[in-house]
N, C-alpha and C. Protein backbone atom coordinates (compact mmCIF):
# COMPACT_ATOMS: atom_id res chain seq x y z
N MET A 1 70.56 18.46 -22.03
CA MET A 1 69.39 18.64 -21.16
C MET A 1 68.87 20.06 -21.30
N ILE A 2 67.61 20.17 -21.69
CA ILE A 2 67.00 21.49 -21.86
C ILE A 2 66.30 21.87 -20.55
N VAL A 3 66.68 23.02 -20.01
CA VAL A 3 66.06 23.50 -18.77
C VAL A 3 65.30 24.78 -19.08
N SER A 4 64.02 24.77 -18.83
CA SER A 4 63.19 25.94 -19.08
C SER A 4 63.28 26.90 -17.90
N PRO A 5 63.05 28.19 -18.15
CA PRO A 5 63.09 29.18 -17.06
C PRO A 5 62.12 28.82 -15.93
N ARG A 6 60.97 28.25 -16.31
CA ARG A 6 59.96 27.86 -15.33
C ARG A 6 60.53 26.77 -14.41
N HIS A 7 61.24 25.83 -14.98
CA HIS A 7 61.84 24.74 -14.22
C HIS A 7 62.89 25.29 -13.24
N ILE A 8 63.69 26.22 -13.71
CA ILE A 8 64.71 26.86 -12.88
C ILE A 8 64.03 27.58 -11.72
N HIS A 9 62.97 28.32 -12.03
CA HIS A 9 62.23 29.09 -11.03
C HIS A 9 61.66 28.16 -9.95
N GLU A 10 61.02 27.08 -10.40
CA GLU A 10 60.42 26.13 -9.46
C GLU A 10 61.48 25.47 -8.57
N SER A 11 62.57 25.03 -9.16
CA SER A 11 63.64 24.38 -8.39
C SER A 11 64.28 25.37 -7.42
N THR A 12 64.34 26.64 -7.80
CA THR A 12 64.89 27.68 -6.92
C THR A 12 63.99 27.85 -5.71
N ILE A 13 62.69 27.88 -5.93
CA ILE A 13 61.71 28.03 -4.84
C ILE A 13 61.81 26.82 -3.90
N VAL A 14 61.84 25.65 -4.49
CA VAL A 14 61.94 24.41 -3.69
C VAL A 14 63.24 24.41 -2.88
N GLY A 15 64.34 24.77 -3.54
CA GLY A 15 65.64 24.83 -2.88
C GLY A 15 65.64 25.84 -1.76
N PHE A 16 65.03 27.00 -2.01
CA PHE A 16 64.98 28.05 -0.99
C PHE A 16 64.15 27.61 0.21
N ARG A 17 63.01 26.97 -0.06
CA ARG A 17 62.15 26.49 1.03
C ARG A 17 62.87 25.46 1.86
N LEU A 18 63.55 24.56 1.18
CA LEU A 18 64.31 23.50 1.85
C LEU A 18 65.41 24.11 2.70
N PHE A 19 66.12 25.07 2.12
CA PHE A 19 67.21 25.74 2.82
C PHE A 19 66.70 26.48 4.05
N SER A 20 65.60 27.22 3.90
CA SER A 20 65.07 27.98 5.04
C SER A 20 64.56 27.06 6.14
N ALA A 21 63.97 25.92 5.74
CA ALA A 21 63.49 24.94 6.71
C ALA A 21 64.67 24.34 7.49
N ILE A 22 65.72 23.98 6.77
CA ILE A 22 66.92 23.41 7.39
C ILE A 22 67.57 24.45 8.30
N PHE A 23 67.65 25.68 7.80
CA PHE A 23 68.26 26.76 8.58
C PHE A 23 67.50 27.00 9.89
N ARG A 24 66.16 27.01 9.79
CA ARG A 24 65.31 27.24 10.96
C ARG A 24 65.48 26.11 11.97
N GLU A 25 65.44 24.87 11.47
CA GLU A 25 65.62 23.70 12.33
C GLU A 25 66.98 23.74 13.01
N ASN A 26 68.00 24.05 12.21
CA ASN A 26 69.37 24.11 12.72
C ASN A 26 69.50 25.17 13.79
N HIS A 27 68.86 26.33 13.55
CA HIS A 27 68.91 27.43 14.51
C HIS A 27 68.26 27.02 15.83
N LEU A 28 67.09 26.40 15.75
CA LEU A 28 66.38 25.93 16.94
C LEU A 28 67.22 24.90 17.69
N PHE A 29 67.79 23.99 16.91
CA PHE A 29 68.62 22.93 17.49
C PHE A 29 69.83 23.53 18.18
N LYS A 30 70.46 24.50 17.54
CA LYS A 30 71.65 25.14 18.12
C LYS A 30 71.32 25.84 19.41
N THR A 31 70.22 26.59 19.44
CA THR A 31 69.85 27.33 20.64
C THR A 31 69.50 26.37 21.77
N LYS A 32 68.78 25.32 21.45
CA LYS A 32 68.44 24.30 22.45
C LYS A 32 69.71 23.63 22.95
N LYS A 33 70.59 23.28 22.00
CA LYS A 33 71.81 22.56 22.31
C LYS A 33 72.72 23.41 23.19
N SER A 34 72.85 24.70 22.87
CA SER A 34 73.73 25.58 23.64
C SER A 34 73.22 25.71 25.07
N LYS A 35 71.89 25.79 25.24
CA LYS A 35 71.32 25.86 26.59
C LYS A 35 71.62 24.58 27.33
N TYR A 36 71.45 23.47 26.65
CA TYR A 36 71.68 22.14 27.21
C TYR A 36 73.13 21.99 27.63
N TRP A 37 74.04 22.40 26.72
CA TRP A 37 75.47 22.29 27.02
C TRP A 37 75.90 23.23 28.11
N ARG A 38 75.28 24.39 28.18
CA ARG A 38 75.60 25.35 29.23
C ARG A 38 75.21 24.76 30.57
N HIS A 39 74.06 24.12 30.59
CA HIS A 39 73.54 23.48 31.80
C HIS A 39 74.51 22.38 32.26
N ILE A 40 74.95 21.56 31.32
CA ILE A 40 75.92 20.49 31.61
C ILE A 40 77.23 21.10 32.10
N GLY A 41 77.66 22.14 31.41
CA GLY A 41 78.91 22.82 31.77
C GLY A 41 78.88 23.34 33.19
N ILE A 42 77.76 23.95 33.59
CA ILE A 42 77.60 24.47 34.94
C ILE A 42 77.63 23.31 35.94
N GLY A 43 76.92 22.23 35.61
CA GLY A 43 76.89 21.04 36.46
C GLY A 43 78.27 20.44 36.65
N VAL A 44 78.98 20.28 35.54
CA VAL A 44 80.34 19.71 35.57
C VAL A 44 81.28 20.65 36.32
N GLY A 45 81.15 21.94 36.06
CA GLY A 45 81.98 22.94 36.73
C GLY A 45 81.80 22.90 38.24
N ARG A 46 80.56 22.84 38.70
CA ARG A 46 80.27 22.77 40.13
C ARG A 46 80.85 21.51 40.74
N LYS A 47 80.66 20.38 40.02
CA LYS A 47 81.16 19.09 40.50
C LYS A 47 82.69 19.13 40.63
N THR A 48 83.32 19.71 39.60
CA THR A 48 84.78 19.81 39.59
C THR A 48 85.25 20.66 40.78
N TRP A 49 84.56 21.77 41.02
CA TRP A 49 84.94 22.67 42.12
C TRP A 49 84.77 21.99 43.47
N THR A 50 83.66 21.23 43.61
CA THR A 50 83.41 20.55 44.89
C THR A 50 84.41 19.41 45.09
N ASP A 51 84.83 18.79 43.98
CA ASP A 51 85.80 17.69 44.07
C ASP A 51 87.21 18.20 44.41
N LEU A 52 87.52 19.44 43.99
CA LEU A 52 88.83 20.03 44.28
C LEU A 52 88.88 20.50 45.69
């Protein structure tokens, strides 16, 4: 398989764009998820304390 420098360059750009998009989505998801889990954790913690 012959790979031209242009092909490598294009696939690198595509790969980088894909990676940055995934990274950004993942970062947003993580921050949202951590807030969500913190909220649940506080709720569960309060419930546990009131039950004890």
